[in-house]
Structures are given as structure tokens and as C-alpha cells.
Amino acid sequence: MKWRVERLKDFDENAVSQNNDEVLYEVNANSENWMIVGRKRGHVSLSTKQGSRIVISILCMPLMAGYVHPPKLGLPNIDEANISCNPAGPHLVPILPRLKLTTIISFFYGHYGGDVR
């Protein structure tokens, strides 16, 4: 999964500190449907300038087939008016079952039971 995060507003110059370019993220997923490979939580650097963007990528393995809600990206301590996150909204994604490989052996016989050559 990939999420694109964009800063919608500049920070006020008086309010800017060393930590305003650090964004905490959390990936939330139903553990019955998804296995998250790697870090579920971390910090990324996002410039304080309006329009700055980053992409957060996480490898997610489906554990079941069917229509399931995808993992969600949470940005704690961030006002929603300041940052836009894409993809947005709850939606279902189809997870197709893994098809097992089956070997089919067929024999062709002629009119009298002999094999065809």
C-alpha cells in the first residue's frame, strides 16, 4: 500500500520549531485480514512548506479472500485541515483466492482401445 501525504498549509514562522517537519504515522489494519510486513509506526520528514509531499509505502499481505477494508494510515497529532492523505475513505478491496495448481493428465484412445499415435 502507498499513501501520498501533502501539507495543505504553511506553518506560521513564529510557530515553527525543530519538530514541525517530523510527522508520526501509524498503519492500522485488521489482523484477521492483513499481515503488515515491516514497521507499523514511525516518523517521516515533511517540509513545513505548503504543497510539500511524501509517499509512505508499507507491504501488506492479505490473509483471506473476499472483500475486505484495506489498512488505514493514521496521522496522530496532525490537524486534518493541515494535511491531506490519499487514498481516503473507507472502501472495500477484492482479494482473490489463490488458485492451486492442478495437473490434469488425459489419455486419448482410438476406436479399439489402443492409443492414438
Protein backbone atom coordinates (compact mmCIF):
# COMPACT_ATOMS: atom_id res chain seq x y z
CA MET A 1 0.00 0.00 0.00
CA LYS A 2 1.10 3.53 -0.70
CA TRP A 3 -0.24 6.70 0.84
CA ARG A 4 0.51 10.17 -0.50
CA VAL A 5 0.63 12.81 2.22
CA GLU A 6 0.54 16.50 1.30
CA ARG A 7 0.85 19.60 3.51
CA LEU A 8 -2.06 21.94 2.78
CA LYS A 9 -0.95 24.95 4.83
CA ASP A 10 2.32 26.66 5.69
CA PHE A 11 3.28 26.79 9.34
CA ASP A 12 3.36 30.23 10.90
CA GLU A 13 7.02 31.30 11.05
CA ASN A 14 6.69 32.04 14.77
CA ALA A 15 5.27 28.58 15.45
CA VAL A 16 7.94 26.66 13.53
CA SER A 17 10.18 24.56 15.72
CA GLN A 18 12.64 21.79 15.02
CA ASN A 19 9.94 19.09 15.28
CA ASN A 20 7.31 20.55 12.91
CA ASP A 21 8.85 18.77 9.93
CA GLU A 22 8.53 15.39 11.68
CA VAL A 23 5.23 13.54 11.13
CA LEU A 24 4.26 10.48 13.16
CA TYR A 25 2.36 7.82 11.20
CA GLU A 26 0.57 4.62 12.23
CA VAL A 27 -0.77 1.86 10.00
CA ASN A 28 -3.96 0.30 11.34
CA ALA A 29 -5.15 -2.99 9.87
CA ASN A 30 -7.49 -5.77 10.93
CA SER A 31 -5.13 -8.57 11.99
CA GLU A 32 -7.59 -11.22 10.77
CA ASN A 33 -7.42 -9.82 7.22
CA TRP A 34 -3.90 -8.37 6.87
CA MET A 35 -0.31 -9.04 7.87
CA ILE A 36 1.81 -5.89 7.91
CA VAL A 37 5.41 -6.53 6.88
CA GLY A 38 7.84 -4.06 8.44
CA ARG A 39 7.18 -1.06 10.65
CA LYS A 40 3.60 -0.20 11.56
CA ARG A 41 4.62 3.08 13.16
CA GLY A 42 7.33 5.63 12.55
CA HIS A 43 8.38 9.20 11.84
CA VAL A 44 8.86 10.75 8.41
CA SER A 45 10.18 14.15 7.48
CA LEU A 46 7.70 16.50 5.75
CA SER A 47 8.72 20.06 4.92
CA THR A 48 6.78 22.86 6.61
CA LYS A 49 6.10 24.50 3.21
CA GLN A 50 2.62 24.32 1.71
CA GLY A 51 2.38 21.70 -1.06
CA SER A 52 5.25 19.54 0.16
CA ARG A 53 4.56 15.83 -0.37
CA ILE A 54 5.83 12.45 0.73
CA VAL A 55 4.83 8.87 -0.01
CA ILE A 56 4.60 6.28 2.76
CA SER A 57 4.84 2.68 1.49
CA ILE A 58 4.05 -0.40 3.55
CA LEU A 59 3.98 -4.02 2.38
CA CYS A 60 0.66 -5.64 3.32
CA MET A 61 -0.13 -9.34 2.83
CA PRO A 62 -3.79 -10.41 2.67
CA LEU A 63 -4.61 -13.36 4.92
CA MET A 64 -8.03 -14.19 3.49
CA ALA A 65 -10.03 -13.94 0.27
CA GLY A 66 -13.10 -11.78 -0.18
CA TYR A 67 -13.95 -8.09 0.07
CA VAL A 68 -12.03 -6.50 2.94
CA HIS A 69 -11.23 -3.00 4.19
CA PRO A 70 -7.65 -2.03 3.35
CA PRO A 71 -5.21 -0.90 6.04
CA LYS A 72 -5.56 2.74 7.08
CA LEU A 73 -2.87 5.34 7.65
CA GLY A 74 -3.25 7.35 10.83
CA LEU A 75 -1.50 10.66 11.48
CA PRO A 76 -1.87 11.32 15.21
CA ASN A 77 -1.36 14.87 16.47
CA ILE A 78 -1.97 16.33 12.99
CA ASP A 79 -4.93 18.59 12.34
CA GLU A 80 -6.88 17.30 9.31
CA ALA A 81 -7.06 20.86 7.93
CA ASN A 82 -3.26 20.90 7.59
CA ILE A 83 -2.60 17.61 5.78
CA SER A 84 -4.33 15.63 3.04
CA CYS A 85 -3.85 11.88 2.85
CA ASN A 86 -4.63 9.79 -0.21
CA PRO A 87 -6.25 7.24 -0.63
CA ALA A 88 -9.06 8.46 1.55
CA GLY A 89 -12.28 6.98 2.78
CA PRO A 90 -13.43 3.54 3.75
CA HIS A 91 -13.81 1.27 0.78
CA LEU A 92 -13.60 -2.45 0.18
CA VAL A 93 -10.95 -4.13 -1.94
CA PRO A 94 -11.39 -7.55 -3.55
CA ILE A 95 -8.86 -10.18 -2.55
CA LEU A 96 -8.98 -13.14 -4.90
CA PRO A 97 -8.31 -16.64 -3.59
CA ARG A 98 -5.02 -18.18 -4.52
CA LEU A 99 -5.64 -20.82 -7.14
CA LYS A 100 -3.99 -24.15 -6.52
CA LEU A 101 -2.15 -25.65 -9.43
CA THR A 102 -3.65 -28.90 -10.63
CA THR A 103 -2.07 -31.24 -13.11
CA ILE A 104 -4.51 -32.89 -15.48
CA ILE A 105 -3.35 -35.96 -17.31
CA SER A 106 -5.53 -37.09 -20.19
CA PHE A 107 -5.21 -40.18 -22.29
CA PHE A 108 -6.69 -40.44 -25.77
CA TYR A 109 -7.75 -43.83 -27.03
CA GLY A 110 -8.53 -44.89 -30.58
CA HIS A 111 -11.57 -46.80 -31.81
CA TYR A 112 -10.48 -50.15 -30.39
CA GLY A 113 -8.96 -49.05 -27.12
CA GLY A 114 -5.45 -48.52 -28.41
CA ASP A 115 -3.67 -45.26 -28.01
CA VAL A 116 -3.62 -42.75 -30.81
CA ARG A 117 -0.20 -42.15 -32.31
